[in-house]
Protein backbone atom coordinates (compact mmCIF):
# COMPACT_ATOMS: atom_id res chain seq x y z
CA MET A 1 168.06 72.08 138.37
CA ILE A 2 164.47 72.39 137.12
CA VAL A 3 163.25 69.88 139.73
CA LYS A 4 165.18 71.70 142.44
CA GLU A 5 163.64 75.03 141.48
CA LYS A 6 160.15 73.53 141.52
CA ILE A 7 160.73 72.11 145.00
CA LYS A 8 161.90 75.53 146.19
CA LYS A 9 158.74 77.15 144.82
CA ILE A 10 156.51 74.57 146.53
CA ARG A 11 158.32 75.07 149.84
CA SER A 12 158.04 78.85 149.61
CA LYS A 13 154.29 78.54 149.10
CA VAL A 14 153.65 76.21 152.04
CA ASN A 15 156.16 77.90 154.36
CA PHE A 16 155.00 81.50 154.11
CA TRP A 17 152.94 81.03 157.30
CA ILE A 18 155.73 79.31 159.25
CA ASN A 19 157.84 82.01 160.88
CA GLN A 20 161.54 81.89 161.61
CA TYR A 21 162.62 81.53 165.24
CA ASP A 22 161.59 84.61 167.22
CA VAL A 23 162.62 84.86 170.87
CA ASN A 24 159.98 87.56 171.49
CA PHE A 25 157.24 85.22 170.31
CA LEU A 26 158.67 82.48 172.53
CA HIS A 27 158.57 84.88 175.50
CA GLU A 28 154.92 85.67 174.73
CA LEU A 29 154.07 81.98 174.93
CA ARG A 30 156.08 81.46 178.10
CA LEU A 31 154.43 84.45 179.79
CA PHE A 32 151.00 82.95 179.13
CA GLU A 33 152.14 79.62 180.56
CA LEU A 34 153.48 81.34 183.66
CA LYS A 35 150.14 83.00 184.19
CA GLN A 36 148.56 79.55 183.93
CA ILE A 37 150.65 78.22 186.81
CA ARG A 38 150.45 81.33 189.00
CA PRO A 39 147.32 80.11 190.86
CA LEU A 40 149.18 76.88 191.64
CA LEU A 41 152.12 78.65 193.30
CA PRO A 42 152.31 79.14 197.06
CA LYS A 43 151.85 82.81 197.94
CA LYS A 44 155.51 83.09 198.95
CA GLY A 45 158.71 81.08 198.81
CA ASN A 46 162.03 80.72 197.08
CA ILE A 47 162.01 79.25 193.58
CA LEU A 48 164.55 77.27 191.58
CA GLU A 49 164.02 77.34 187.83
CA ILE A 50 165.71 74.45 186.02
CA GLY A 51 166.61 75.09 182.38
CA ALA A 52 165.92 78.81 182.55
CA GLY A 53 167.10 79.70 179.04
CA THR A 54 167.17 83.48 178.72
CA GLY A 55 165.91 83.82 182.29
CA PHE A 56 162.73 85.47 181.03
CA GLN A 57 160.43 83.40 183.23
CA SER A 58 162.71 83.75 186.25
CA LYS A 59 162.54 87.52 185.80
CA ILE A 60 158.73 87.42 185.78
CA LEU A 61 158.64 85.19 188.85
CA LYS A 62 160.92 87.61 190.66
CA SER A 63 158.57 90.47 189.75
CA TRP A 64 155.87 88.49 191.56
CA ASN A 65 157.94 88.85 194.75
CA TYR A 66 159.52 85.41 194.81
CA ASP A 67 163.18 84.85 195.62
CA VAL A 68 164.38 83.19 192.40
CA LYS A 69 167.51 81.28 191.41
CA SER A 70 167.86 79.80 187.95
CA ILE A 71 170.18 77.32 186.28
CA ASP A 72 170.89 76.11 182.77
CA LEU A 73 173.60 74.35 180.81
CA ASN A 74 176.57 76.39 179.70
CA SER A 75 175.85 75.06 176.20
CA SER A 76 172.36 76.62 176.20
CA ILE A 77 171.46 78.29 172.90
CA TYR A 78 170.10 81.20 174.95
CA LYS A 79 173.31 81.98 176.85
CA ASP A 80 173.90 85.17 174.83
CA GLN A 81 170.29 86.35 175.24
CA LYS A 82 170.02 86.34 179.03
CA THR A 83 167.69 88.79 180.75
CA PHE A 84 168.33 87.37 184.23
CA ASP A 85 171.26 85.97 186.22
CA VAL A 86 171.22 82.31 185.12
CA THR A 87 173.81 80.07 186.81
CA SER A 88 175.56 77.53 184.57
CA TYR A 89 175.61 73.92 185.75
CA ASP A 90 176.67 70.49 184.46
CA GLY A 91 173.16 69.12 183.91
CA LYS A 92 173.56 66.57 186.71
CA ASN A 93 174.39 68.28 189.99
CA ILE A 94 172.22 71.21 191.09
CA PRO A 95 174.69 73.77 192.51
CA PHE A 96 172.79 74.62 195.71
CA LYS A 97 172.75 73.35 199.28
CA ASP A 98 170.30 70.82 200.72
CA SER A 99 166.79 71.98 201.67
CA THR A 100 167.13 75.38 199.99
CA PHE A 101 163.98 75.76 197.89
CA SER A 102 160.26 75.55 198.56
CA ILE A 103 159.32 75.65 194.85
CA VAL A 104 160.90 74.16 191.73
CA PHE A 105 159.78 75.25 188.27
CA SER A 106 160.78 73.96 184.86
CA SER A 107 159.33 74.70 181.43
CA ASN A 108 159.85 72.41 178.43
CA VAL A 109 163.08 70.97 179.79
CA PHE A 110 162.53 67.49 181.25
CA GLU A 111 162.09 65.90 177.82
CA HIS A 112 165.76 66.85 177.23
CA ILE A 113 167.06 65.31 180.47
CA VAL A 114 168.46 61.82 179.96
CA ASP A 115 168.64 60.74 183.60
CA ILE A 116 165.27 61.76 185.07
CA LYS A 117 165.87 59.67 188.20
CA ASN A 118 169.06 61.56 189.02
CA MET A 119 167.35 64.90 188.45
CA LEU A 120 164.51 63.96 190.78
CA ASN A 121 167.08 62.87 193.38
CA GLU A 122 168.77 66.25 193.09
CA ILE A 123 165.46 68.11 193.33
CA ALA A 124 164.60 66.08 196.43
CA ARG A 125 167.96 67.06 197.92
CA VAL A 126 167.69 70.82 197.36
CA THR A 127 164.01 71.19 198.32
CA LYS A 128 162.34 71.69 201.69
CA GLN A 129 159.63 69.48 203.15
CA GLU A 130 156.30 69.81 201.27
CA ALA A 131 157.97 71.69 198.42
CA ILE A 132 155.94 72.15 195.22
CA ILE A 133 157.41 71.12 191.86
CA LEU A 134 155.80 72.50 188.70
CA LEU A 135 156.84 70.97 185.38
CA ILE A 136 155.55 72.10 182.00
CA MET A 137 156.20 69.58 179.22
CA PRO A 138 155.11 69.08 175.60
CA SER A 139 151.98 67.01 174.96
CA PRO A 140 151.30 64.38 172.30
CA SER A 141 149.30 67.07 170.48
CA TRP A 142 152.41 69.28 170.28
CA ARG A 143 154.41 66.36 168.91
CA ILE A 144 151.82 65.50 166.25
CA TRP A 145 151.36 69.06 165.00
CA SER A 146 155.09 69.77 165.14
CA PHE A 147 155.67 66.61 163.08
CA LEU A 148 153.18 67.73 160.41
CA THR A 149 154.61 71.24 160.19
CA ASP A 150 158.15 69.80 160.15
CA LEU A 151 157.20 67.99 156.96
CA LEU A 152 155.89 71.20 155.41
CA LYS A 153 158.90 73.22 156.47
CA ASN A 154 161.78 70.77 156.08
CA TRP A 155 160.35 67.63 154.42
CA TYR A 156 161.56 65.60 157.41
CA SER A 157 161.11 65.47 161.19
CA ARG A 158 163.38 64.56 164.10
CA PRO A 159 162.62 63.73 167.74
CA HIS A 160 162.48 66.77 169.98
CA GLY A 161 163.58 65.11 173.23
CA VAL A 162 166.18 62.52 174.19
CA HIS A 163 164.01 59.59 175.25
CA THR A 164 163.50 58.02 171.84
CA LYS A 165 165.05 58.11 168.37
CA ASN A 166 161.65 57.73 166.72
CA VAL A 167 159.25 60.64 166.15
CA PHE A 168 156.21 58.38 166.39
CA GLU A 169 157.33 56.80 169.65
CA GLU A 170 157.81 60.32 170.98
CA ILE A 171 154.05 60.86 170.76
CA PHE A 172 153.71 58.21 173.47
CA CYS A 173 156.73 59.57 175.37
CA PHE A 174 154.95 62.91 175.71
CA SER A 175 151.79 61.30 177.10
CA LYS A 176 150.59 61.72 180.68
CA LYS A 177 150.84 57.97 181.23
CA TRP A 178 154.52 57.90 180.24
CA TRP A 179 155.45 60.90 182.39
CA ILE A 180 153.57 59.63 185.44
CA LYS A 181 155.76 56.54 185.25
CA LYS A 182 158.95 58.57 184.73
CA LEU A 183 158.13 60.94 187.60
CA ASN A 184 157.54 58.11 190.03
CA HIS A 185 159.84 58.80 193.00
CA GLU A 186 159.73 58.01 196.69
CA SER A 187 160.10 61.69 197.61
CA PHE A 188 157.29 63.04 195.43
CA LYS A 189 153.60 62.60 194.73
CA VAL A 190 151.94 63.73 191.49
CA GLU A 191 149.06 65.84 192.76
CA MET A 192 147.67 67.31 189.56
CA ILE A 193 148.02 67.28 185.79
CA LYS A 194 146.38 69.98 183.69
CA SER A 195 146.62 71.32 180.15
CA ASN A 196 148.15 74.69 179.43
CA ASN A 197 145.17 75.55 177.16
CA LEU A 198 147.35 76.96 174.40
CA PHE A 199 148.12 75.77 170.87
CA TYR A 200 151.52 76.17 169.29
CA THR A 201 154.08 73.94 167.57
CA GLY A 202 157.84 73.73 167.29
CA ASN A 203 157.62 75.63 164.01
CA SER A 204 156.03 78.91 165.13
CA ILE A 205 152.96 78.71 162.92
CA MET A 206 152.04 82.34 162.10
CA GLY A 207 154.14 83.50 165.07
CA ASN A 208 152.73 86.53 166.86
CA LYS A 209 150.46 87.19 163.88
CA PHE A 210 148.17 84.55 165.39
CA PRO A 211 147.22 86.06 168.78
CA ILE A 212 147.17 84.17 172.07
CA LYS A 213 143.39 84.51 172.39
CA TYR A 214 142.91 82.51 169.18
CA ARG A 215 145.56 79.99 170.16
CA ARG A 216 143.59 79.40 173.36
CA LYS A 217 140.39 78.71 171.45
CA LEU A 218 142.16 76.46 168.94
CA SER A 219 143.65 74.36 171.75
CA PHE A 220 140.17 73.10 172.63
CA LEU A 221 139.79 71.78 169.08
CA VAL A 222 143.24 70.38 168.26
CA GLY A 223 144.75 69.89 171.72
CA SER A 224 146.96 71.87 174.06
CA SER A 225 150.67 72.11 173.36
CA CYS A 226 151.76 71.24 176.90
CA ASN A 227 150.72 69.56 180.11
CA ILE A 228 151.45 70.97 183.56
CA TYR A 229 152.53 68.43 186.19
CA VAL A 230 152.28 69.43 189.83
CA LEU A 231 154.29 67.35 192.31
CA LYS A 232 154.55 67.68 196.06
CA LYS A 233 157.49 66.57 198.19
CA ILE A 234 156.32 63.99 200.72
CA LEU A 235 159.68 62.80 202.14
């Protein structure tokens, strides 16, 4: 019991700056990321968001005068927190007709998709010629810092995505090199990869007590949390 109490005291001291999950803080981060991709979006078009969660980003995109449809799994942890009409789907078959969308957007989702090839096939099916696909995905920096804060918070760490069972291998799986290989598809060309210029981890370090403007500056020192992949449909 004495040892257990000591461990609890140590954890309380190192965890005071690691916030509990806060959907409002998550929305603040996602809004910044949306603003990062806004210059990359065509001036008009209809957008499909894959893995929309609460629908927060879809709602913002709609406010920018885009026609937006969004999908997510029925098992999504955000299904009771929706702020937008998010259509449930089976994770394999996108429930829309061929050549429907001119833009596809997804934020922090593809690392959770087992069959990337099938998803790219489906995106190719539902998109128009020269459609733009914008994918935001965690970087190796996010994985490293999330691993370190996992140890402080929980004393252990687990993989975030589904492409490896090893946390250390996941650092490589979140690299640009790995994703370029995974996104290789006859219908698409990777046109650009850029950082999101924002630092955060999977453990909400300081939460909204650490403002976005400081997270931006810190990202230049310790790395950005995500990379933005821009693909264009060529077939």
